[in-house]
Amino acid sequence: MLLVLESGVIDQLIKSVTPDQLKALRAHTVKERVAFEKGRHDLGDKLGREFHVLLLSFLNNETLNQIHQHLRRREALINAMFRVGFDYCQLRDEHGQLVECLEKKDAAAAKALLASHYNLVIRGYRFDAMVTPDVDLKLALAL
């Protein structure tokens, strides 16, 4: 669902993204990269999720923001319960590449990249019905 929602956002942003918004996205990707380079993976993860929130914020659509927040909470729970790991370097690179696609107004490339991005995240999950995840629900749901 996040992919569907954010793909629609891409279609809108391609038409309306401003130089200041692109600058904000670029600055955000730099913060992500620096966090990971310093070994602050929790901060890098948080900034990675906030990148997607920042994208949506540019549409100034409170309904979409609320739906996105709801989906993000579900994602956080799934993440806490089933994530086993994924390639953080590739995820960071993809955020930068997505900014480039927006700058070039290439919706098809941006949406393909977004799909690849979420598929990479999904490959970092292991869904095993036989194992009860050891998770602190309060921590998992705190965004």
N, C-alpha and C. Protein backbone atom coordinates (compact mmCIF):
# COMPACT_ATOMS: atom_id res chain seq x y z
N MET A 1 0.81 -1.20 0.00
CA MET A 1 0.00 0.00 0.00
C MET A 1 0.86 1.27 0.00
N LEU A 2 1.98 1.22 0.73
CA LEU A 2 2.86 2.39 0.73
C LEU A 2 3.36 2.68 -0.68
N LEU A 3 3.68 1.64 -1.41
CA LEU A 3 4.17 1.82 -2.78
C LEU A 3 3.11 2.45 -3.66
N VAL A 4 1.88 2.01 -3.54
CA VAL A 4 0.79 2.57 -4.34
C VAL A 4 0.60 4.04 -4.00
N LEU A 5 0.54 4.35 -2.72
CA LEU A 5 0.35 5.73 -2.29
C LEU A 5 1.50 6.63 -2.76
N GLU A 6 2.72 6.18 -2.53
CA GLU A 6 3.86 7.01 -2.89
C GLU A 6 4.06 7.12 -4.39
N SER A 7 3.65 6.11 -5.15
CA SER A 7 3.70 6.21 -6.62
C SER A 7 2.77 7.32 -7.10
N GLY A 8 1.59 7.41 -6.49
CA GLY A 8 0.67 8.50 -6.82
C GLY A 8 1.25 9.86 -6.44
N VAL A 9 1.95 9.89 -5.33
CA VAL A 9 2.60 11.12 -4.90
C VAL A 9 3.66 11.53 -5.92
N ILE A 10 4.41 10.56 -6.41
CA ILE A 10 5.43 10.84 -7.43
C ILE A 10 4.78 11.49 -8.64
N ASP A 11 3.66 10.94 -9.10
CA ASP A 11 2.96 11.51 -10.26
C ASP A 11 2.62 12.98 -10.04
N GLN A 12 2.22 13.32 -8.84
CA GLN A 12 1.88 14.72 -8.53
C GLN A 12 3.13 15.58 -8.38
N LEU A 13 4.13 15.06 -7.70
CA LEU A 13 5.35 15.85 -7.47
C LEU A 13 6.11 16.14 -8.75
N ILE A 14 6.07 15.23 -9.69
CA ILE A 14 6.76 15.45 -10.97
C ILE A 14 6.26 16.75 -11.59
N LYS A 15 4.98 17.04 -11.40
CA LYS A 15 4.37 18.24 -11.99
C LYS A 15 4.65 19.50 -11.17
N SER A 16 4.93 19.33 -9.87
CA SER A 16 4.92 20.52 -9.02
C SER A 16 6.16 20.74 -8.16
N VAL A 17 7.10 19.81 -8.16
CA VAL A 17 8.24 19.93 -7.26
C VAL A 17 9.03 21.21 -7.57
N THR A 18 9.43 21.90 -6.51
CA THR A 18 10.14 23.17 -6.65
C THR A 18 11.63 22.98 -6.39
N PRO A 19 12.45 23.92 -6.83
CA PRO A 19 13.89 23.83 -6.52
C PRO A 19 14.16 23.78 -5.01
N ASP A 20 13.39 24.52 -4.22
CA ASP A 20 13.58 24.49 -2.76
C ASP A 20 13.24 23.12 -2.18
N GLN A 21 12.21 22.47 -2.72
CA GLN A 21 11.85 21.14 -2.26
C GLN A 21 12.93 20.12 -2.63
N LEU A 22 13.47 20.24 -3.84
CA LEU A 22 14.56 19.35 -4.24
C LEU A 22 15.78 19.56 -3.35
N LYS A 23 16.04 20.81 -3.01
CA LYS A 23 17.16 21.13 -2.12
C LYS A 23 16.94 20.49 -0.75
N ALA A 24 15.72 20.55 -0.25
CA ALA A 24 15.41 19.95 1.06
C ALA A 24 15.59 18.43 1.01
N LEU A 25 15.17 17.81 -0.08
CA LEU A 25 15.34 16.37 -0.23
C LEU A 25 16.82 16.00 -0.29
N ARG A 26 17.59 16.77 -1.04
CA ARG A 26 19.03 16.50 -1.13
C ARG A 26 19.69 16.63 0.24
N ALA A 27 19.35 17.68 0.96
CA ALA A 27 19.91 17.89 2.30
C ALA A 27 19.55 16.72 3.22
N HIS A 28 18.34 16.22 3.07
CA HIS A 28 17.90 15.10 3.90
C HIS A 28 18.72 13.84 3.59
N THR A 29 18.98 13.59 2.30
CA THR A 29 19.77 12.41 1.95
C THR A 29 21.20 12.52 2.48
N VAL A 30 21.72 13.74 2.55
CA VAL A 30 23.06 13.93 3.12
C VAL A 30 23.04 13.57 4.60
N LYS A 31 22.01 14.00 5.32
CA LYS A 31 21.90 13.67 6.75
C LYS A 31 21.84 12.15 6.95
N GLU A 32 21.09 11.47 6.08
CA GLU A 32 21.01 10.00 6.14
C GLU A 32 22.39 9.39 5.98
N ARG A 33 23.08 9.80 4.94
CA ARG A 33 24.39 9.23 4.63
C ARG A 33 25.36 9.45 5.79
N VAL A 34 25.39 10.66 6.33
CA VAL A 34 26.29 10.98 7.43
C VAL A 34 25.98 10.11 8.66
N ALA A 35 24.69 9.93 8.96
CA ALA A 35 24.31 9.10 10.10
C ALA A 35 24.85 7.68 9.94
N PHE A 36 24.70 7.11 8.75
CA PHE A 36 25.20 5.75 8.53
C PHE A 36 26.72 5.70 8.54
N GLU A 37 27.37 6.71 7.98
CA GLU A 37 28.83 6.73 7.98
C GLU A 37 29.39 6.80 9.39
N LYS A 38 28.65 7.42 10.29
CA LYS A 38 29.07 7.53 11.69
C LYS A 38 28.62 6.32 12.51
N GLY A 39 28.00 5.34 11.84
CA GLY A 39 27.55 4.13 12.54
C GLY A 39 26.27 4.31 13.33
N ARG A 40 25.57 5.39 13.08
CA ARG A 40 24.32 5.67 13.80
C ARG A 40 23.14 5.12 12.98
N HIS A 41 23.06 3.78 12.93
CA HIS A 41 22.09 3.12 12.07
C HIS A 41 20.64 3.39 12.48
N ASP A 42 20.38 3.50 13.78
CA ASP A 42 19.01 3.81 14.22
C ASP A 42 18.59 5.19 13.69
N LEU A 43 19.49 6.15 13.79
CA LEU A 43 19.19 7.49 13.27
C LEU A 43 19.04 7.44 11.75
N GLY A 44 19.91 6.71 11.09
CA GLY A 44 19.82 6.57 9.63
C GLY A 44 18.50 5.95 9.21
N ASP A 45 18.05 4.92 9.94
CA ASP A 45 16.74 4.32 9.66
C ASP A 45 15.62 5.34 9.82
N LYS A 46 15.69 6.08 10.91
CA LYS A 46 14.66 7.09 11.19
C LYS A 46 14.64 8.14 10.07
N LEU A 47 15.81 8.61 9.69
CA LEU A 47 15.89 9.60 8.62
C LEU A 47 15.40 9.02 7.29
N GLY A 48 15.68 7.74 7.06
CA GLY A 48 15.19 7.10 5.84
C GLY A 48 13.68 7.08 5.78
N ARG A 49 13.05 6.78 6.90
CA ARG A 49 11.57 6.80 6.94
C ARG A 49 11.07 8.23 6.77
N GLU A 50 11.76 9.18 7.40
CA GLU A 50 11.34 10.58 7.30
C GLU A 50 11.47 11.13 5.88
N PHE A 51 12.36 10.56 5.08
CA PHE A 51 12.49 10.97 3.69
C PHE A 51 11.14 10.81 2.97
N HIS A 52 10.48 9.70 3.22
CA HIS A 52 9.19 9.43 2.57
C HIS A 52 8.11 10.38 3.09
N VAL A 53 8.17 10.69 4.37
CA VAL A 53 7.23 11.65 4.95
C VAL A 53 7.44 13.03 4.33
N LEU A 54 8.70 13.40 4.15
CA LEU A 54 9.03 14.68 3.53
C LEU A 54 8.46 14.76 2.11
N LEU A 55 8.60 13.68 1.35
CA LEU A 55 8.03 13.65 -0.01
C LEU A 55 6.55 13.99 0.02
N LEU A 56 5.81 13.30 0.89
CA LEU A 56 4.37 13.53 0.96
C LEU A 56 4.03 14.93 1.44
N SER A 57 4.85 15.47 2.31
CA SER A 57 4.53 16.79 2.88
C SER A 57 4.47 17.87 1.80
N PHE A 58 5.17 17.67 0.70
CA PHE A 58 5.20 18.68 -0.36
C PHE A 58 3.85 18.83 -1.07
N LEU A 59 2.96 17.85 -0.91
CA LEU A 59 1.64 17.96 -1.54
C LEU A 59 0.65 18.74 -0.69
N ASN A 60 1.00 18.98 0.58
CA ASN A 60 0.11 19.71 1.49
C ASN A 60 -1.29 19.11 1.52
N ASN A 61 -1.36 17.79 1.63
CA ASN A 61 -2.63 17.09 1.64
C ASN A 61 -2.74 16.32 2.95
N GLU A 62 -3.49 16.86 3.88
CA GLU A 62 -3.58 16.28 5.22
C GLU A 62 -4.16 14.87 5.20
N THR A 63 -5.11 14.60 4.32
CA THR A 63 -5.69 13.26 4.23
C THR A 63 -4.64 12.24 3.83
N LEU A 64 -3.86 12.55 2.79
CA LEU A 64 -2.79 11.65 2.38
C LEU A 64 -1.75 11.48 3.48
N ASN A 65 -1.42 12.56 4.17
CA ASN A 65 -0.46 12.48 5.27
C ASN A 65 -0.95 11.54 6.36
N GLN A 66 -2.25 11.60 6.69
CA GLN A 66 -2.81 10.73 7.72
C GLN A 66 -2.81 9.27 7.28
N ILE A 67 -3.17 9.02 6.04
CA ILE A 67 -3.14 7.64 5.52
C ILE A 67 -1.71 7.11 5.54
N HIS A 68 -0.78 7.93 5.10
CA HIS A 68 0.63 7.54 5.07
C HIS A 68 1.12 7.24 6.49
N GLN A 69 0.76 8.09 7.44
CA GLN A 69 1.18 7.87 8.82
C GLN A 69 0.62 6.54 9.35
N HIS A 70 -0.63 6.26 9.03
CA HIS A 70 -1.26 5.00 9.45
C HIS A 70 -0.50 3.80 8.86
N LEU A 71 -0.20 3.87 7.58
CA LEU A 71 0.55 2.79 6.93
C LEU A 71 1.95 2.66 7.51
N ARG A 72 2.57 3.78 7.83
CA ARG A 72 3.90 3.76 8.42
C ARG A 72 3.91 3.10 9.79
N ARG A 73 2.85 3.29 10.56
CA ARG A 73 2.76 2.62 11.86
C ARG A 73 2.69 1.11 11.68
N ARG A 74 1.91 0.68 10.71
CA ARG A 74 1.84 -0.75 10.43
C ARG A 74 3.19 -1.28 9.97
N GLU A 75 3.86 -0.49 9.14
CA GLU A 75 5.18 -0.89 8.67
C GLU A 75 6.14 -1.00 9.85
N ALA A 76 6.07 -0.08 10.79
CA ALA A 76 6.96 -0.11 11.96
C ALA A 76 6.75 -1.39 12.77
N LEU A 77 5.51 -1.80 12.91
CA LEU A 77 5.21 -3.03 13.65
C LEU A 77 5.77 -4.24 12.90
N ILE A 78 5.53 -4.31 11.61
CA ILE A 78 6.07 -5.41 10.80
C ILE A 78 7.59 -5.41 10.85
N ASN A 79 8.15 -4.22 10.77
CA ASN A 79 9.60 -4.07 10.82
C ASN A 79 10.16 -4.62 12.14
N ALA A 80 9.53 -4.24 13.23
CA ALA A 80 10.01 -4.67 14.55
C ALA A 80 9.88 -6.18 14.73
N MET A 81 8.87 -6.76 14.12
CA MET A 81 8.61 -8.18 14.32
C MET A 81 9.37 -9.09 13.36
N PHE A 82 9.60 -8.64 12.14
CA PHE A 82 10.07 -9.57 11.12
C PHE A 82 11.35 -9.17 10.39
N ARG A 83 11.89 -8.00 10.63
CA ARG A 83 13.07 -7.58 9.88
C ARG A 83 14.30 -8.36 10.33
N VAL A 84 15.04 -8.84 9.35
CA VAL A 84 16.30 -9.53 9.64
C VAL A 84 17.48 -8.77 9.05
N GLY A 85 17.22 -7.77 8.22
CA GLY A 85 18.29 -6.95 7.68
C GLY A 85 18.17 -6.73 6.19
N PHE A 86 18.82 -5.69 5.72
CA PHE A 86 18.89 -5.41 4.29
C PHE A 86 20.04 -4.46 4.04
N ASP A 87 20.28 -4.16 2.79
CA ASP A 87 21.44 -3.37 2.37
C ASP A 87 21.16 -1.88 2.55
N TYR A 88 21.59 -1.34 3.67
CA TYR A 88 21.34 0.07 3.97
C TYR A 88 21.98 1.00 2.94
N CYS A 89 23.15 0.61 2.46
CA CYS A 89 23.85 1.46 1.47
C CYS A 89 23.00 1.64 0.23
N GLN A 90 22.42 0.56 -0.25
CA GLN A 90 21.59 0.66 -1.45
C GLN A 90 20.36 1.52 -1.18
N LEU A 91 19.76 1.38 -0.01
CA LEU A 91 18.58 2.20 0.32
C LEU A 91 18.93 3.68 0.28
N ARG A 92 20.06 4.05 0.86
CA ARG A 92 20.45 5.46 0.86
C ARG A 92 20.70 5.95 -0.55
N ASP A 93 21.38 5.14 -1.34
CA ASP A 93 21.62 5.54 -2.72
C ASP A 93 20.31 5.74 -3.48
N GLU A 94 19.33 4.91 -3.18
CA GLU A 94 18.05 5.01 -3.88
C GLU A 94 17.33 6.31 -3.55
N HIS A 95 17.45 6.81 -2.34
CA HIS A 95 16.82 8.09 -2.01
C HIS A 95 17.45 9.20 -2.86
N GLY A 96 18.75 9.19 -2.98
CA GLY A 96 19.44 10.18 -3.81
C GLY A 96 19.04 10.06 -5.27
N GLN A 97 18.92 8.83 -5.75
CA GLN A 97 18.52 8.59 -7.13
C GLN A 97 17.08 9.06 -7.37
N LEU A 98 16.24 8.88 -6.36
CA LEU A 98 14.85 9.33 -6.48
C LEU A 98 14.78 10.84 -6.62
N VAL A 99 15.61 11.54 -5.88
CA VAL A 99 15.67 13.01 -6.00
C VAL A 99 16.09 13.39 -7.41
N GLU A 100 17.07 12.68 -7.96
CA GLU A 100 17.50 12.95 -9.34
C GLU A 100 16.37 12.72 -10.33
N CYS A 101 15.59 11.67 -10.15
CA CYS A 101 14.44 11.41 -11.03
C CYS A 101 13.42 12.53 -10.96
N LEU A 102 13.17 13.01 -9.74
CA LEU A 102 12.23 14.13 -9.59
C LEU A 102 12.75 15.37 -10.29
N GLU A 103 14.03 15.61 -10.15
CA GLU A 103 14.64 16.78 -10.78
C GLU A 103 14.52 16.70 -12.31
N LYS A 104 14.69 15.50 -12.84
CA LYS A 104 14.60 15.29 -14.29
C LYS A 104 13.16 15.16 -14.78
N LYS A 105 12.23 15.14 -13.83
CA LYS A 105 10.80 14.98 -14.15
C LYS A 105 10.54 13.64 -14.85
N ASP A 106 11.24 12.60 -14.39
CA ASP A 106 11.12 11.26 -14.97
C ASP A 106 10.28 10.39 -14.04
N ALA A 107 8.96 10.46 -14.20
CA ALA A 107 8.04 9.73 -13.32
C ALA A 107 8.22 8.22 -13.44
N ALA A 108 8.39 7.73 -14.66
CA ALA A 108 8.53 6.28 -14.85
C ALA A 108 9.75 5.74 -14.10
N ALA A 109 10.88 6.43 -14.23
CA ALA A 109 12.09 5.99 -13.53
C ALA A 109 11.93 6.11 -12.02
N ALA A 110 11.29 7.19 -11.58
CA ALA A 110 11.08 7.39 -10.14
C ALA A 110 10.21 6.29 -9.55
N LYS A 111 9.14 5.93 -10.25
CA LYS A 111 8.25 4.89 -9.74
C LYS A 111 8.90 3.51 -9.80
N ALA A 112 9.70 3.25 -10.83
CA ALA A 112 10.43 1.98 -10.90
C ALA A 112 11.43 1.89 -9.75
N LEU A 113 12.09 2.98 -9.47
CA LEU A 113 13.05 3.03 -8.37
C LEU A 113 12.34 2.83 -7.03
N LEU A 114 11.20 3.46 -6.87
CA LEU A 114 10.43 3.31 -5.64
C LEU A 114 10.00 1.85 -5.45
N ALA A 115 9.57 1.19 -6.53
CA ALA A 115 9.18 -0.22 -6.44
C ALA A 115 10.39 -1.08 -6.05
N SER A 116 11.52 -0.81 -6.67
CA SER A 116 12.75 -1.54 -6.34
C SER A 116 13.12 -1.30 -4.88
N HIS A 117 12.96 -0.08 -4.44
CA HIS A 117 13.27 0.33 -3.07
C HIS A 117 12.44 -0.49 -2.07
N TYR A 118 11.14 -0.54 -2.28
CA TYR A 118 10.29 -1.29 -1.35
C TYR A 118 10.53 -2.79 -1.46
N ASN A 119 10.85 -3.30 -2.65
CA ASN A 119 11.18 -4.71 -2.78
C ASN A 119 12.44 -5.06 -2.01
N LEU A 120 13.40 -4.18 -1.99
CA LEU A 120 14.62 -4.39 -1.21
C LEU A 120 14.28 -4.47 0.27
N VAL A 121 13.44 -3.57 0.73
CA VAL A 121 13.04 -3.57 2.14
C VAL A 121 12.32 -4.88 2.47
N ILE A 122 11.41 -5.29 1.60
CA ILE A 122 10.63 -6.51 1.84
C ILE A 122 11.55 -7.73 1.92
N ARG A 123 12.60 -7.76 1.10
CA ARG A 123 13.53 -8.89 1.15
C ARG A 123 14.27 -8.95 2.49
N GLY A 124 14.23 -7.87 3.25
CA GLY A 124 14.86 -7.85 4.57
C GLY A 124 13.98 -8.40 5.67
N TYR A 125 12.81 -8.94 5.32
CA TYR A 125 11.90 -9.52 6.31
C TYR A 125 11.91 -11.04 6.20
N ARG A 126 11.73 -11.68 7.34
CA ARG A 126 11.52 -13.13 7.35
C ARG A 126 10.23 -13.38 8.10
N PHE A 127 9.26 -13.89 7.37
CA PHE A 127 7.96 -14.19 7.96
C PHE A 127 7.92 -15.68 8.29
N ASP A 128 8.02 -15.99 9.57
CA ASP A 128 8.02 -17.37 10.02
C ASP A 128 6.91 -17.53 11.05
N ALA A 129 5.84 -18.18 10.64
CA ALA A 129 4.66 -18.34 11.50
C ALA A 129 4.95 -19.23 12.70
N MET A 130 6.02 -20.02 12.64
CA MET A 130 6.33 -20.95 13.71
C MET A 130 7.12 -20.29 14.85
N VAL A 131 7.61 -19.09 14.61
CA VAL A 131 8.43 -18.41 15.61
C VAL A 131 7.71 -17.15 16.08
N THR A 132 7.52 -17.04 17.38
CA THR A 132 6.91 -15.84 17.94
C THR A 132 7.96 -14.76 18.07
N PRO A 133 7.75 -13.63 17.40
CA PRO A 133 8.75 -12.56 17.48
C PRO A 133 8.87 -12.00 18.90
N ASP A 134 10.08 -11.69 19.30
CA ASP A 134 10.35 -11.06 20.58
C ASP A 134 10.43 -9.56 20.32
N VAL A 135 9.33 -8.85 20.62
CA VAL A 135 9.27 -7.44 20.26
C VAL A 135 8.59 -6.64 21.37
N ASP A 136 9.10 -5.46 21.60
CA ASP A 136 8.50 -4.50 22.52
C ASP A 136 7.51 -3.67 21.70
N LEU A 137 6.22 -3.96 21.82
CA LEU A 137 5.21 -3.29 21.00
C LEU A 137 5.19 -1.79 21.23
N LYS A 138 5.40 -1.35 22.45
CA LYS A 138 5.41 0.09 22.71
C LYS A 138 6.53 0.76 21.93
N LEU A 139 7.69 0.16 21.92
CA LEU A 139 8.82 0.71 21.18
C LEU A 139 8.58 0.61 19.68
N ALA A 140 8.01 -0.49 19.22
CA ALA A 140 7.77 -0.70 17.79
C ALA A 140 6.79 0.31 17.22
N LEU A 141 5.83 0.71 17.99
CA LEU A 141 4.79 1.61 17.50
C LEU A 141 5.11 3.08 17.74
N ALA A 142 6.21 3.37 18.39
CA ALA A 142 6.61 4.76 18.65
C ALA A 142 7.35 5.27 17.41
N LEU A 143 6.73 6.18 16.70
CA LEU A 143 7.37 6.74 15.50
C LEU A 143 7.99 8.07 15.80
